Amino acid sequence: MSLKDEARRERIARSLRGKRAEAQLTQEQVGAACGMDKTSIGKYENGLSCMDYETAWDLADLYGVSLDELGGRKLEGAVQ
């Protein structure tokens, strides 16, 4: 895995942990809401596993954010 990929995975993991904390939910509650176990949520939040698009959409919907925000991506200065 490249340094860029590692940095991206850590940024996503940090964002996932933060969004769950803001929502005041446990990993078990998030997993139940998305149809998976807390172990999977923990792996995503620690950068040990990558989620598929459906899971990302489910988490974004649960937290009420866009996929970009869920992944900790900022689009400042992007072409509109």
C-alpha atoms as a PDB file:
ATOM      1  CA  MET A   1       0.000   0.000   0.000  1.00  0.00           C
ATOM      2  CA  SER A   2       1.359   3.411  -0.933  1.00  0.00           C
ATOM      3  CA  LEU A   3       1.811   6.262   1.535  1.00  0.00           C
ATOM      4  CA  LYS A   4      -1.022   8.107  -0.206  1.00  0.00           C
ATOM      5  CA  ASP A   5      -3.332   5.111   0.265  1.00  0.00           C
ATOM      6  CA  GLU A   6      -2.326   4.782   3.910  1.00  0.00           C
ATOM      7  CA  ALA A   7      -2.987   8.474   4.528  1.00  0.00           C
ATOM      8  CA  ARG A   8      -6.368   8.236   2.836  1.00  0.00           C
ATOM      9  CA  ARG A   9      -7.337   5.159   4.851  1.00  0.00           C
ATOM     10  CA  GLU A  10      -6.338   6.892   8.112  1.00  0.00           C
ATOM     11  CA  ARG A  11      -8.283  10.035   7.163  1.00  0.00           C
ATOM     12  CA  ILE A  12     -11.394   7.947   6.503  1.00  0.00           C
ATOM     13  CA  ALA A  13     -10.931   5.968   9.736  1.00  0.00           C
ATOM     14  CA  ARG A  14     -10.540   9.177  11.774  1.00  0.00           C
ATOM     15  CA  SER A  15     -13.662  10.627  10.183  1.00  0.00           C
ATOM     16  CA  LEU A  16     -15.685   7.477  10.876  1.00  0.00           C
ATOM     17  CA  ARG A  17     -14.663   7.513  14.534  1.00  0.00           C
ATOM     18  CA  GLY A  18     -15.539  11.189  14.790  1.00  0.00           C
ATOM     19  CA  LYS A  19     -18.932  10.861  13.123  1.00  0.00           C
ATOM     20  CA  ARG A  20     -19.877   7.983  15.405  1.00  0.00           C
ATOM     21  CA  ALA A  21     -18.762   9.937  18.469  1.00  0.00           C
ATOM     22  CA  GLU A  22     -20.771  12.984  17.349  1.00  0.00           C
ATOM     23  CA  ALA A  23     -23.827  10.746  16.926  1.00  0.00           C
ATOM     24  CA  GLN A  24     -23.189   9.271  20.400  1.00  0.00           C
ATOM     25  CA  LEU A  25     -23.535   5.714  19.095  1.00  0.00           C
ATOM     26  CA  THR A  26     -21.629   2.556  19.936  1.00  0.00           C
ATOM     27  CA  GLN A  27     -20.001   0.405  17.271  1.00  0.00           C
ATOM     28  CA  GLU A  28     -22.662  -2.196  18.023  1.00  0.00           C
ATOM     29  CA  GLN A  29     -25.486   0.311  17.402  1.00  0.00           C
ATOM     30  CA  VAL A  30     -23.923   1.473  14.140  1.00  0.00           C
ATOM     31  CA  GLY A  31     -23.426  -2.111  13.010  1.00  0.00           C
ATOM     32  CA  ALA A  32     -27.022  -3.015  13.817  1.00  0.00           C
ATOM     33  CA  ALA A  33     -28.316   0.014  11.908  1.00  0.00           C
ATOM     34  CA  CYS A  34     -26.250  -0.984   8.858  1.00  0.00           C
ATOM     35  CA  GLY A  35     -26.808  -4.739   9.030  1.00  0.00           C
ATOM     36  CA  MET A  36     -23.321  -5.783  10.139  1.00  0.00           C
ATOM     37  CA  ASP A  37     -21.463  -6.616  13.320  1.00  0.00           C
ATOM     38  CA  LYS A  38     -19.458  -4.251  15.493  1.00  0.00           C
ATOM     39  CA  THR A  39     -16.217  -5.980  14.474  1.00  0.00           C
ATOM     40  CA  SER A  40     -16.636  -4.708  10.913  1.00  0.00           C
ATOM     41  CA  ILE A  41     -17.304  -1.184  12.147  1.00  0.00           C
ATOM     42  CA  GLY A  42     -14.191  -1.390  14.316  1.00  0.00           C
ATOM     43  CA  LYS A  43     -12.088  -2.494  11.347  1.00  0.00           C
ATOM     44  CA  TYR A  44     -13.320   0.453   9.268  1.00  0.00           C
ATOM     45  CA  GLU A  45     -12.703   2.886  12.130  1.00  0.00           C
ATOM     46  CA  ASN A  46      -9.161   1.590  12.616  1.00  0.00           C
ATOM     47  CA  GLY A  47      -8.243   1.535   8.935  1.00  0.00           C
ATOM     48  CA  LEU A  48      -7.895  -2.238   8.891  1.00  0.00           C
ATOM     49  CA  SER A  49     -10.526  -2.832   6.233  1.00  0.00           C
ATOM     50  CA  CYS A  50     -12.086  -0.937   3.346  1.00  0.00           C
ATOM     51  CA  MET A  51     -15.846  -0.731   3.029  1.00  0.00           C
ATOM     52  CA  ASP A  52     -17.879  -1.154  -0.137  1.00  0.00           C
ATOM     53  CA  TYR A  53     -20.017   1.625  -1.592  1.00  0.00           C
ATOM     54  CA  GLU A  54     -23.255   0.311  -0.130  1.00  0.00           C
ATOM     55  CA  THR A  55     -21.783   0.358   3.363  1.00  0.00           C
ATOM     56  CA  ALA A  56     -20.390   3.850   2.847  1.00  0.00           C
ATOM     57  CA  TRP A  57     -23.799   5.092   1.690  1.00  0.00           C
ATOM     58  CA  ASP A  58     -25.493   3.435   4.684  1.00  0.00           C
ATOM     59  CA  LEU A  59     -23.056   5.097   7.091  1.00  0.00           C
ATOM     60  CA  ALA A  60     -23.352   8.486   5.378  1.00  0.00           C
ATOM     61  CA  ASP A  61     -27.148   8.260   5.608  1.00  0.00           C
ATOM     62  CA  LEU A  62     -26.977   7.191   9.258  1.00  0.00           C
ATOM     63  CA  TYR A  63     -24.766  10.168  10.147  1.00  0.00           C
ATOM     64  CA  GLY A  64     -26.601  12.594   7.837  1.00  0.00           C
ATOM     65  CA  VAL A  65     -23.518  13.531   5.819  1.00  0.00           C
ATOM     66  CA  SER A  66     -22.266  13.272   2.237  1.00  0.00           C
ATOM     67  CA  LEU A  67     -19.841  10.558   1.177  1.00  0.00           C
ATOM     68  CA  ASP A  68     -17.131  13.210   0.882  1.00  0.00           C
ATOM     69  CA  GLU A  69     -17.745  14.380   4.436  1.00  0.00           C
ATOM     70  CA  LEU A  70     -17.925  10.799   5.710  1.00  0.00           C
ATOM     71  CA  GLY A  71     -14.488  10.189   4.220  1.00  0.00           C
ATOM     72  CA  GLY A  72     -13.063  13.380   5.695  1.00  0.00           C
ATOM     73  CA  ARG A  73     -12.597  14.861   2.240  1.00  0.00           C
ATOM     74  CA  LYS A  74     -12.671  18.625   1.808  1.00  0.00           C
ATOM     75  CA  LEU A  75     -13.453  20.044  -1.587  1.00  0.00           C
ATOM     76  CA  GLU A  76     -12.313  23.587  -0.942  1.00  0.00           C
ATOM     77  CA  GLY A  77     -11.251  25.257  -4.160  1.00  0.00           C
ATOM     78  CA  ALA A  78     -12.750  22.508  -6.305  1.00  0.00           C
ATOM     79  CA  VAL A  79     -14.131  23.436  -9.693  1.00  0.00           C
ATOM     80  CA  GLN A  80     -17.904  23.682  -9.459  1.00  0.00           C
END
